[in-house]
PDB file of N, CA and C in Angstrom:
ATOM      1  N   UNK A   1      57.372 101.532  30.740  1.00  0.00           N
ATOM      2  CA  UNK A   1      56.111 101.787  31.407  1.00  0.00           C
ATOM      3  C   UNK A   1      55.858 103.295  31.414  1.00  0.00           C
ATOM      4  N   UNK A   2      54.665 103.711  30.985  1.00  0.00           N
ATOM      5  CA  UNK A   2      54.395 105.150  30.947  1.00  0.00           C
ATOM      6  C   UNK A   2      54.333 105.743  32.353  1.00  0.00           C
ATOM      7  N   UNK A   3      54.685 107.000  32.432  1.00  0.00           N
ATOM      8  CA  UNK A   3      54.631 107.726  33.690  1.00  0.00           C
ATOM      9  C   UNK A   3      53.169 108.060  33.982  1.00  0.00           C
ATOM     10  N   UNK A   4      52.565 107.353  34.931  1.00  0.00           N
ATOM     11  CA  UNK A   4      51.138 107.513  35.224  1.00  0.00           C
ATOM     12  C   UNK A   4      50.805 108.913  35.722  1.00  0.00           C
ATOM     13  N   UNK A   5      51.702 109.505  36.489  1.00  0.00           N
ATOM     14  CA  UNK A   5      51.446 110.855  36.997  1.00  0.00           C
ATOM     15  C   UNK A   5      51.450 111.860  35.856  1.00  0.00           C
ATOM     16  N   UNK A   6      52.398 111.703  34.943  1.00  0.00           N
ATOM     17  CA  UNK A   6      52.467 112.623  33.802  1.00  0.00           C
ATOM     18  C   UNK A   6      51.238 112.461  32.916  1.00  0.00           C
ATOM     19  N   UNK A   7      50.810 111.223  32.717  1.00  0.00           N
ATOM     20  CA  UNK A   7      49.622 110.956  31.911  1.00  0.00           C
ATOM     21  C   UNK A   7      48.391 111.601  32.550  1.00  0.00           C
ATOM     22  N   UNK A   8      48.241 111.465  33.860  1.00  0.00           N
ATOM     23  CA  UNK A   8      47.112 112.077  34.560  1.00  0.00           C
ATOM     24  C   UNK A   8      47.178 113.599  34.469  1.00  0.00           C
ATOM     25  N   UNK A   9      48.383 114.139  34.609  1.00  0.00           N
ATOM     26  CA  UNK A   9      48.564 115.588  34.521  1.00  0.00           C
ATOM     27  C   UNK A   9      48.184 116.088  33.121  1.00  0.00           C
ATOM     28  N   UNK A  10      48.639 115.396  32.099  1.00  0.00           N
ATOM     29  CA  UNK A  10      48.315 115.801  30.727  1.00  0.00           C
ATOM     30  C   UNK A  10      46.814 115.739  30.469  1.00  0.00           C
ATOM     31  N   UNK A  11      46.134 114.754  31.058  1.00  0.00           N
ATOM     32  CA  UNK A  11      44.676 114.671  30.930  1.00  0.00           C
ATOM     33  C   UNK A  11      44.010 115.866  31.617  1.00  0.00           C
ATOM     34  N   UNK A  12      44.538 116.259  32.786  1.00  0.00           N
ATOM     35  CA  UNK A  12      44.018 117.422  33.490  1.00  0.00           C
ATOM     36  C   UNK A  12      44.174 118.681  32.645  1.00  0.00           C
ATOM     37  N   UNK A  13      45.356 118.885  32.102  1.00  0.00           N
ATOM     38  CA  UNK A  13      45.607 120.074  31.281  1.00  0.00           C
ATOM     39  C   UNK A  13      44.700 120.073  30.057  1.00  0.00           C
ATOM     40  N   UNK A  14      44.537 118.927  29.428  1.00  0.00           N
ATOM     41  CA  UNK A  14      43.662 118.838  28.254  1.00  0.00           C
ATOM     42  C   UNK A  14      42.228 119.193  28.634  1.00  0.00           C
ATOM     43  N   UNK A  15      41.770 118.683  29.765  1.00  0.00           N
ATOM     44  CA  UNK A  15      40.402 118.971  30.223  1.00  0.00           C
ATOM     45  C   UNK A  15      40.238 120.464  30.506  1.00  0.00           C
ATOM     46  N   UNK A  16      41.225 121.067  31.149  1.00  0.00           N
ATOM     47  CA  UNK A  16      41.153 122.496  31.451  1.00  0.00           C
ATOM     48  C   UNK A  16      41.124 123.316  30.171  1.00  0.00           C
ATOM     49  N   UNK A  17      41.970 122.974  29.246  1.00  0.00           N
ATOM     50  CA  UNK A  17      42.103 123.780  28.027  1.00  0.00           C
ATOM     51  C   UNK A  17      41.021 123.519  27.003  1.00  0.00           C
ATOM     52  N   UNK A  18      40.562 122.267  26.870  1.00  0.00           N
ATOM     53  CA  UNK A  18      39.669 121.933  25.777  1.00  0.00           C
ATOM     54  C   UNK A  18      38.315 121.342  26.182  1.00  0.00           C
ATOM     55  N   UNK A  19      38.141 121.068  27.466  1.00  0.00           N
ATOM     56  CA  UNK A  19      36.899 120.451  27.918  1.00  0.00           C
ATOM     57  C   UNK A  19      35.729 121.419  27.893  1.00  0.00           C
ATOM     58  N   UNK A  20      34.537 120.885  28.139  1.00  0.00           N
ATOM     59  CA  UNK A  20      33.359 121.762  28.185  1.00  0.00           C
ATOM     60  C   UNK A  20      33.421 122.680  29.393  1.00  0.00           C
ATOM     61  N   UNK A  21      32.782 123.817  29.268  1.00  0.00           N
ATOM     62  CA  UNK A  21      32.777 124.754  30.386  1.00  0.00           C
ATOM     63  C   UNK A  21      31.928 125.966  30.081  1.00  0.00           C
ATOM     64  N   UNK A  22      31.895 126.861  31.027  1.00  0.00           N
ATOM     65  CA  UNK A  22      31.154 128.108  30.867  1.00  0.00           C
ATOM     66  C   UNK A  22      31.928 129.155  30.098  1.00  0.00           C
ATOM     67  N   UNK A  23      33.220 128.915  29.899  1.00  0.00           N
ATOM     68  CA  UNK A  23      34.056 129.779  29.067  1.00  0.00           C
ATOM     69  C   UNK A  23      34.442 128.987  27.819  1.00  0.00           C
ATOM     70  N   UNK A  24      34.925 129.675  26.827  1.00  0.00           N
ATOM     71  CA  UNK A  24      35.330 128.984  25.606  1.00  0.00           C
ATOM     72  C   UNK A  24      36.706 128.338  25.800  1.00  0.00           C
ATOM     73  N   UNK A  25      36.975 127.349  24.979  1.00  0.00           N
ATOM     74  CA  UNK A  25      38.297 126.716  25.021  1.00  0.00           C
ATOM     75  C   UNK A  25      39.382 127.743  24.717  1.00  0.00           C
ATOM     76  N   UNK A  26      39.099 128.687  23.841  1.00  0.00           N
ATOM     77  CA  UNK A  26      40.079 129.741  23.528  1.00  0.00           C
ATOM     78  C   UNK A  26      40.357 130.611  24.751  1.00  0.00           C
ATOM     79  N   UNK A  27      39.311 130.978  25.487  1.00  0.00           N
ATOM     80  CA  UNK A  27      39.513 131.787  26.697  1.00  0.00           C
ATOM     81  C   UNK A  27      40.370 131.034  27.711  1.00  0.00           C
ATOM     82  N   UNK A  28      40.075 129.753  27.904  1.00  0.00           N
ATOM     83  CA  UNK A  28      40.842 128.969  28.871  1.00  0.00           C
ATOM     84  C   UNK A  28      42.271 128.765  28.396  1.00  0.00           C
ATOM     85  N   UNK A  29      42.466 128.576  27.099  1.00  0.00           N
ATOM     86  CA  UNK A  29      43.829 128.421  26.567  1.00  0.00           C
ATOM     87  C   UNK A  29      44.626 129.710  26.760  1.00  0.00           C
ATOM     88  N   UNK A  30      43.987 130.856  26.527  1.00  0.00           N
ATOM     89  CA  UNK A  30      44.670 132.144  26.751  1.00  0.00           C
ATOM     90  C   UNK A  30      44.996 132.334  28.225  1.00  0.00           C
ATOM     91  N   UNK A  31      44.067 131.974  29.097  1.00  0.00           N
ATOM     92  CA  UNK A  31      44.330 132.082  30.537  1.00  0.00           C
ATOM     93  C   UNK A  31      45.471 131.152  30.931  1.00  0.00           C
ATOM     94  N   UNK A  32      45.488 129.943  30.391  1.00  0.00           N
ATOM     95  CA  UNK A  32      46.541 128.972  30.679  1.00  0.00           C
ATOM     96  C   UNK A  32      47.905 129.542  30.297  1.00  0.00           C
ATOM     97  N   UNK A  33      47.970 130.211  29.164  1.00  0.00           N
ATOM     98  CA  UNK A  33      49.228 130.787  28.663  1.00  0.00           C
ATOM     99  C   UNK A  33      49.496 132.175  29.236  1.00  0.00           C
ATOM    100  N   UNK A  34      48.569 132.706  30.032  1.00  0.00           N
ATOM    101  CA  UNK A  34      48.662 134.070  30.546  1.00  0.00           C
ATOM    102  C   UNK A  34      48.889 135.038  29.383  1.00  0.00           C
ATOM    103  N   UNK A  35      48.117 134.809  28.315  1.00  0.00           N
ATOM    104  CA  UNK A  35      48.317 135.541  27.073  1.00  0.00           C
ATOM    105  C   UNK A  35      47.251 136.594  26.810  1.00  0.00           C
ATOM    106  N   UNK A  36      46.441 136.868  27.787  1.00  0.00           N
ATOM    107  CA  UNK A  36      45.445 137.912  27.602  1.00  0.00           C
ATOM    108  C   UNK A  36      44.085 137.350  27.234  1.00  0.00           C
ATOM    109  N   UNK A  37      43.199 137.366  28.183  1.00  0.00           N
ATOM    110  CA  UNK A  37      41.831 136.895  27.970  1.00  0.00           C
ATOM    111  C   UNK A  37      40.940 138.056  27.576  1.00  0.00           C
ATOM    112  N   UNK A  38      41.172 139.183  28.169  1.00  0.00           N
ATOM    113  CA  UNK A  38      40.390 140.386  27.920  1.00  0.00           C
ATOM    114  C   UNK A  38      40.662 141.380  29.026  1.00  0.00           C
ATOM    115  N   UNK A  39      40.370 142.616  28.763  1.00  0.00           N
ATOM    116  CA  UNK A  39      40.748 143.673  29.700  1.00  0.00           C
ATOM    117  C   UNK A  39      40.159 143.476  31.094  1.00  0.00           C
ATOM    118  N   UNK A  40      38.987 142.875  31.204  1.00  0.00           N
ATOM    119  CA  UNK A  40      38.379 142.680  32.523  1.00  0.00           C
ATOM    120  C   UNK A  40      39.098 141.613  33.341  1.00  0.00           C
ATOM    121  N   UNK A  41      39.633 140.612  32.681  1.00  0.00           N
ATOM    122  CA  UNK A  41      40.276 139.502  33.378  1.00  0.00           C
ATOM    123  C   UNK A  41      41.788 139.617  33.454  1.00  0.00           C
ATOM    124  N   UNK A  42      42.390 140.355  32.568  1.00  0.00           N
ATOM    125  CA  UNK A  42      43.855 140.397  32.507  1.00  0.00           C
ATOM    126  C   UNK A  42      44.525 140.792  33.826  1.00  0.00           C
ATOM    127  N   UNK A  43      44.056 141.829  34.528  1.00  0.00           N
ATOM    128  CA  UNK A  43      44.723 142.168  35.801  1.00  0.00           C
ATOM    129  C   UNK A  43      44.628 141.032  36.831  1.00  0.00           C
ATOM    130  N   UNK A  44      43.480 140.399  36.922  1.00  0.00           N
ATOM    131  CA  UNK A  44      43.310 139.295  37.869  1.00  0.00           C
ATOM    132  C   UNK A  44      44.212 138.127  37.499  1.00  0.00           C
ATOM    133  N   UNK A  45      44.223 137.744  36.229  1.00  0.00           N
ATOM    134  CA  UNK A  45      45.026 136.594  35.808  1.00  0.00           C
ATOM    135  C   UNK A  45      46.527 136.877  35.897  1.00  0.00           C
ATOM    136  N   UNK A  46      46.916 138.115  35.690  1.00  0.00           N
ATOM    137  CA  UNK A  46      48.332 138.470  35.865  1.00  0.00           C
ATOM    138  C   UNK A  46      48.743 138.266  37.321  1.00  0.00           C
ATOM    139  N   UNK A  47      47.852 138.611  38.240  1.00  0.00           N
ATOM    140  CA  UNK A  47      48.155 138.395  39.662  1.00  0.00           C
ATOM    141  C   UNK A  47      48.154 136.913  40.006  1.00  0.00           C
ATOM    142  N   UNK A  48      47.252 136.145  39.419  1.00  0.00           N
ATOM    143  CA  UNK A  48      47.237 134.699  39.654  1.00  0.00           C
ATOM    144  C   UNK A  48      48.590 134.116  39.284  1.00  0.00           C
ATOM    145  N   UNK A  49      49.140 134.547  38.163  1.00  0.00           N
ATOM    146  CA  UNK A  49      50.402 133.997  37.662  1.00  0.00           C
ATOM    147  C   UNK A  49      51.618 134.531  38.410  1.00  0.00           C
ATOM    148  N   UNK A  50      51.603 135.795  38.775  1.00  0.00           N
ATOM    149  CA  UNK A  50      52.826 136.408  39.306  1.00  0.00           C
ATOM    150  C   UNK A  50      52.811 136.680  40.807  1.00  0.00           C
ATOM    151  N   UNK A  51      51.664 137.041  41.340  1.00  0.00           N
ATOM    152  CA  UNK A  51      51.626 137.417  42.759  1.00  0.00           C
ATOM    153  C   UNK A  51      50.243 137.148  43.346  1.00  0.00           C
ATOM    154  N   UNK A  52      49.881 135.886  43.486  1.00  0.00           N
ATOM    155  CA  UNK A  52      48.527 135.551  43.947  1.00  0.00           C
ATOM    156  C   UNK A  52      48.173 136.115  45.319  1.00  0.00           C
ATOM    157  N   UNK A  53      49.139 136.364  46.160  1.00  0.00           N
ATOM    158  CA  UNK A  53      48.847 136.923  47.482  1.00  0.00           C
ATOM    159  C   UNK A  53      48.321 138.355  47.392  1.00  0.00           C
ATOM    160  N   UNK A  54      48.497 138.988  46.249  1.00  0.00           N
ATOM    161  CA  UNK A  54      48.042 140.371  46.069  1.00  0.00           C
ATOM    162  C   UNK A  54      46.635 140.470  45.473  1.00  0.00           C
ATOM    163  N   UNK A  55      45.995 139.344  45.207  1.00  0.00           N
ATOM    164  CA  UNK A  55      44.644 139.354  44.654  1.00  0.00           C
ATOM    165  C   UNK A  55      43.678 139.891  45.715  1.00  0.00           C
ATOM    166  N   UNK A  56      42.809 140.778  45.276  1.00  0.00           N
ATOM    167  CA  UNK A  56      41.830 141.371  46.189  1.00  0.00           C
ATOM    168  C   UNK A  56      40.414 141.139  45.671  1.00  0.00           C
ATOM    169  N   UNK A  57      39.461 141.445  46.513  1.00  0.00           N
ATOM    170  CA  UNK A  57      38.064 141.377  46.089  1.00  0.00           C
ATOM    171  C   UNK A  57      37.816 142.302  44.901  1.00  0.00           C
ATOM    172  N   UNK A  58      38.511 143.421  44.856  1.00  0.00           N
ATOM    173  CA  UNK A  58      38.333 144.374  43.760  1.00  0.00           C
ATOM    174  C   UNK A  58      38.706 143.755  42.417  1.00  0.00           C
ATOM    175  N   UNK A  59      39.696 142.876  42.406  1.00  0.00           N
ATOM    176  CA  UNK A  59      40.064 142.195  41.161  1.00  0.00           C
ATOM    177  C   UNK A  59      38.906 141.332  40.654  1.00  0.00           C
ATOM    178  N   UNK A  60      38.266 140.616  41.569  1.00  0.00           N
ATOM    179  CA  UNK A  60      37.113 139.802  41.194  1.00  0.00           C
ATOM    180  C   UNK A  60      35.904 140.678  40.845  1.00  0.00           C
ATOM    181  N   UNK A  61      35.723 141.756  41.575  1.00  0.00           N
ATOM    182  CA  UNK A  61      34.609 142.665  41.295  1.00  0.00           C
ATOM    183  C   UNK A  61      34.705 143.236  39.884  1.00  0.00           C
ATOM    184  N   UNK A  62      35.907 143.581  39.451  1.00  0.00           N
ATOM    185  CA  UNK A  62      36.089 144.127  38.098  1.00  0.00           C
ATOM    186  C   UNK A  62      35.716 143.093  37.042  1.00  0.00           C
ATOM    187  N   UNK A  63      36.080 141.850  37.265  1.00  0.00           N
ATOM    188  CA  UNK A  63      35.734 140.794  36.310  1.00  0.00           C
ATOM    189  C   UNK A  63      34.226 140.543  36.308  1.00  0.00           C
ATOM    190  N   UNK A  64      33.617 140.552  37.482  1.00  0.00           N
ATOM    191  CA  UNK A  64      32.158 140.374  37.559  1.00  0.00           C
ATOM    192  C   UNK A  64      31.431 141.530  36.872  1.00  0.00           C
ATOM    193  N   UNK A  65      31.945 142.738  37.036  1.00  0.00           N
ATOM    194  CA  UNK A  65      31.320 143.914  36.426  1.00  0.00           C
ATOM    195  C   UNK A  65      31.323 143.819  34.904  1.00  0.00           C
ATOM    196  N   UNK A  66      32.271 143.069  34.353  1.00  0.00           N
ATOM    197  CA  UNK A  66      32.334 142.880  32.904  1.00  0.00           C
ATOM    198  C   UNK A  66      31.382 141.780  32.440  1.00  0.00           C
ATOM    199  N   UNK A  67      30.654 141.180  33.397  1.00  0.00           N
ATOM    200  CA  UNK A  67      29.642 140.203  33.024  1.00  0.00           C
ATOM    201  C   UNK A  67      30.043 138.750  33.188  1.00  0.00           C
ATOM    202  N   UNK A  68      31.182 138.488  33.799  1.00  0.00           N
ATOM    203  CA  UNK A  68      31.601 137.103  33.988  1.00  0.00           C
ATOM    204  C   UNK A  68      30.923 136.503  35.223  1.00  0.00           C
ATOM    205  N   UNK A  69      30.484 135.271  35.083  1.00  0.00           N
ATOM    206  CA  UNK A  69      29.839 134.582  36.197  1.00  0.00           C
ATOM    207  C   UNK A  69      30.893 133.996  37.134  1.00  0.00           C
ATOM    208  N   UNK A  70      30.442 133.535  38.296  1.00  0.00           N
ATOM    209  CA  UNK A  70      31.356 132.888  39.245  1.00  0.00           C
ATOM    210  C   UNK A  70      32.006 131.656  38.614  1.00  0.00           C
ATOM    211  N   UNK A  71      31.235 130.871  37.888  1.00  0.00           N
ATOM    212  CA  UNK A  71      31.786 129.681  37.236  1.00  0.00           C
ATOM    213  C   UNK A  71      32.842 130.049  36.200  1.00  0.00           C
ATOM    214  N   UNK A  72      32.588 131.088  35.432  1.00  0.00           N
ATOM    215  CA  UNK A  72      33.566 131.532  34.443  1.00  0.00           C
ATOM    216  C   UNK A  72      34.839 132.029  35.110  1.00  0.00           C
ATOM    217  N   UNK A  73      34.679 132.796  36.166  1.00  0.00           N
ATOM    218  CA  UNK A  73      35.857 133.269  36.906  1.00  0.00           C
ATOM    219  C   UNK A  73      36.664 132.092  37.427  1.00  0.00           C
ATOM    220  N   UNK A  74      35.991 131.120  38.012  1.00  0.00           N
ATOM    221  CA  UNK A  74      36.657 129.935  38.546  1.00  0.00           C
ATOM    222  C   UNK A  74      37.449 129.230  37.452  1.00  0.00           C
ATOM    223  N   UNK A  75      36.818 128.985  36.308  1.00  0.00           N
ATOM    224  CA  UNK A  75      37.491 128.282  35.214  1.00  0.00           C
ATOM    225  C   UNK A  75      38.743 129.019  34.757  1.00  0.00           C
ATOM    226  N   UNK A  76      38.655 130.321  34.600  1.00  0.00           N
ATOM    227  CA  UNK A  76      39.795 131.090  34.097  1.00  0.00           C
ATOM    228  C   UNK A  76      40.911 131.201  35.128  1.00  0.00           C
ATOM    229  N   UNK A  77      40.555 131.330  36.387  1.00  0.00           N
ATOM    230  CA  UNK A  77      41.576 131.395  37.438  1.00  0.00           C
ATOM    231  C   UNK A  77      42.297 130.050  37.544  1.00  0.00           C
ATOM    232  N   UNK A  78      41.560 128.953  37.495  1.00  0.00           N
ATOM    233  CA  UNK A  78      42.189 127.627  37.551  1.00  0.00           C
ATOM    234  C   UNK A  78      43.079 127.417  36.333  1.00  0.00           C
ATOM    235  N   UNK A  79      42.606 127.786  35.157  1.00  0.00           N
ATOM    236  CA  UNK A  79      43.423 127.634  33.949  1.00  0.00           C
ATOM    237  C   UNK A  79      44.713 128.439  34.069  1.00  0.00           C
ATOM    238  N   UNK A  80      44.623 129.646  34.586  1.00  0.00           N
ATOM    239  CA  UNK A  80      45.804 130.490  34.758  1.00  0.00           C
ATOM    240  C   UNK A  80      46.771 129.887  35.767  1.00  0.00           C
ATOM    241  N   UNK A  81      46.253 129.417  36.894  1.00  0.00           N
ATOM    242  CA  UNK A  81      47.110 128.839  37.938  1.00  0.00           C
ATOM    243  C   UNK A  81      47.800 127.566  37.457  1.00  0.00           C
ATOM    244  N   UNK A  82      47.070 126.711  36.776  1.00  0.00           N
ATOM    245  CA  UNK A  82      47.679 125.474  36.276  1.00  0.00           C
ATOM    246  C   UNK A  82      48.691 125.794  35.180  1.00  0.00           C
ATOM    247  N   UNK A  83      48.401 126.781  34.357  1.00  0.00           N
ATOM    248  CA  UNK A  83      49.357 127.191  33.330  1.00  0.00           C
ATOM    249  C   UNK A  83      50.649 127.702  33.937  1.00  0.00           C
ATOM    250  N   UNK A  84      50.534 128.534  34.968  1.00  0.00           N
ATOM    251  CA  UNK A  84      51.733 129.059  35.628  1.00  0.00           C
ATOM    252  C   UNK A  84      52.514 127.938  36.295  1.00  0.00           C
ATOM    253  N   UNK A  85      51.827 127.022  36.954  1.00  0.00           N
ATOM    254  CA  UNK A  85      52.540 125.916  37.613  1.00  0.00           C
ATOM    255  C   UNK A  85      53.225 125.034  36.579  1.00  0.00           C
ATOM    256  N   UNK A  86      52.624 124.892  35.413  1.00  0.00           N
ATOM    257  CA  UNK A  86      53.244 124.127  34.332  1.00  0.00           C
ATOM    258  C   UNK A  86      54.540 124.791  33.873  1.00  0.00           C
ATOM    259  N   UNK A  87      54.494 126.097  33.685  1.00  0.00           N
ATOM    260  CA  UNK A  87      55.702 126.814  33.252  1.00  0.00           C
ATOM    261  C   UNK A  87      56.801 126.696  34.304  1.00  0.00           C
ATOM    262  N   UNK A  88      56.441 126.801  35.564  1.00  0.00           N
ATOM    263  CA  UNK A  88      57.430 126.697  36.632  1.00  0.00           C
ATOM    264  C   UNK A  88      58.012 125.284  36.707  1.00  0.00           C
ATOM    265  N   UNK A  89      57.182 124.284  36.582  1.00  0.00           N
ATOM    266  CA  UNK A  89      57.630 122.892  36.617  1.00  0.00           C
ATOM    267  C   UNK A  89      58.565 122.605  35.445  1.00  0.00           C
ATOM    268  N   UNK A  90      58.162 123.040  34.245  1.00  0.00           N
ATOM    269  CA  UNK A  90      59.003 122.818  33.070  1.00  0.00           C
ATOM    270  C   UNK A  90      60.344 123.533  33.190  1.00  0.00           C
ATOM    271  N   UNK A  91      60.343 124.744  33.758  1.00  0.00           N
ATOM    272  CA  UNK A  91      61.597 125.482  33.964  1.00  0.00           C
ATOM    273  C   UNK A  91      62.489 124.760  34.963  1.00  0.00           C
ATOM    274  N   UNK A  92      61.900 124.206  35.997  1.00  0.00           N
ATOM    275  CA  UNK A  92      62.673 123.466  36.993  1.00  0.00           C
ATOM    276  C   UNK A  92      63.296 122.208  36.384  1.00  0.00           C
ATOM    277  N   UNK A  93      62.526 121.497  35.573  1.00  0.00           N
ATOM    278  CA  UNK A  93      63.077 120.307  34.916  1.00  0.00           C
ATOM    279  C   UNK A  93      64.206 120.682  33.954  1.00  0.00           C
ATOM    280  N   UNK A  94      64.045 121.782  33.247  1.00  0.00           N
ATOM    281  CA  UNK A  94      65.098 122.232  32.331  1.00  0.00           C
ATOM    282  C   UNK A  94      66.359 122.609  33.106  1.00  0.00           C
ATOM    283  N   UNK A  95      66.197 123.259  34.252  1.00  0.00           N
ATOM    284  CA  UNK A  95      67.366 123.601  35.079  1.00  0.00           C
ATOM    285  C   UNK A  95      68.056 122.363  35.603  1.00  0.00           C
ATOM    286  N   UNK A  96      67.287 121.363  36.005  1.00  0.00           N
ATOM    287  CA  UNK A  96      67.893 120.106  36.464  1.00  0.00           C
ATOM    288  C   UNK A  96      68.644 119.407  35.341  1.00  0.00           C
ATOM    289  N   UNK A  97      68.047 119.382  34.147  1.00  0.00           N
ATOM    290  CA  UNK A  97      68.730 118.783  32.993  1.00  0.00           C
ATOM    291  C   UNK A  97      70.036 119.489  32.691  1.00  0.00           C
ATOM    292  N   UNK A  98      69.988 120.825  32.733  1.00  0.00           N
ATOM    293  CA  UNK A  98      71.203 121.603  32.456  1.00  0.00           C
ATOM    294  C   UNK A  98      72.269 121.348  33.522  1.00  0.00           C
ATOM    295  N   UNK A  99      71.863 121.297  34.769  1.00  0.00           N
ATOM    296  CA  UNK A  99      72.831 121.073  35.857  1.00  0.00           C
ATOM    297  C   UNK A  99      73.432 119.673  35.789  1.00  0.00           C
ATOM    298  N   UNK A 100      72.622 118.725  35.326  1.00  0.00           N
ATOM    299  CA  UNK A 100      73.105 117.340  35.244  1.00  0.00           C
ATOM    300  C   UNK A 100      74.003 117.124  34.033  1.00  0.00           C
ATOM    301  N   UNK A 101      73.955 118.077  33.121  1.00  0.00           N
ATOM    302  CA  UNK A 101      74.831 117.995  31.949  1.00  0.00           C
ATOM    303  C   UNK A 101      74.205 117.187  30.891  1.00  0.00           C
TER     304      UNK A 101
END
């Protein structure tokens, strides 16, 4: 029997990375991988991935100043957050596998 939660999660990731939106699929894929979307978004997305408590209004203001809309900011921040949570989840599963032998 397929893992329904994993299937739903994979559908979510696919929608985030490849679904329609105000940003391109490439931009969302880069945000998901924390691989560099562009100079205006990179500082904000780095904080989303590494230290979200340090995000300030100034981080969003810089992205808006580069011409990104609220919807675009939302899409890229969500893609970055889900990408980071995916990496953390996969690392945790790998650690459990290693510990279990």
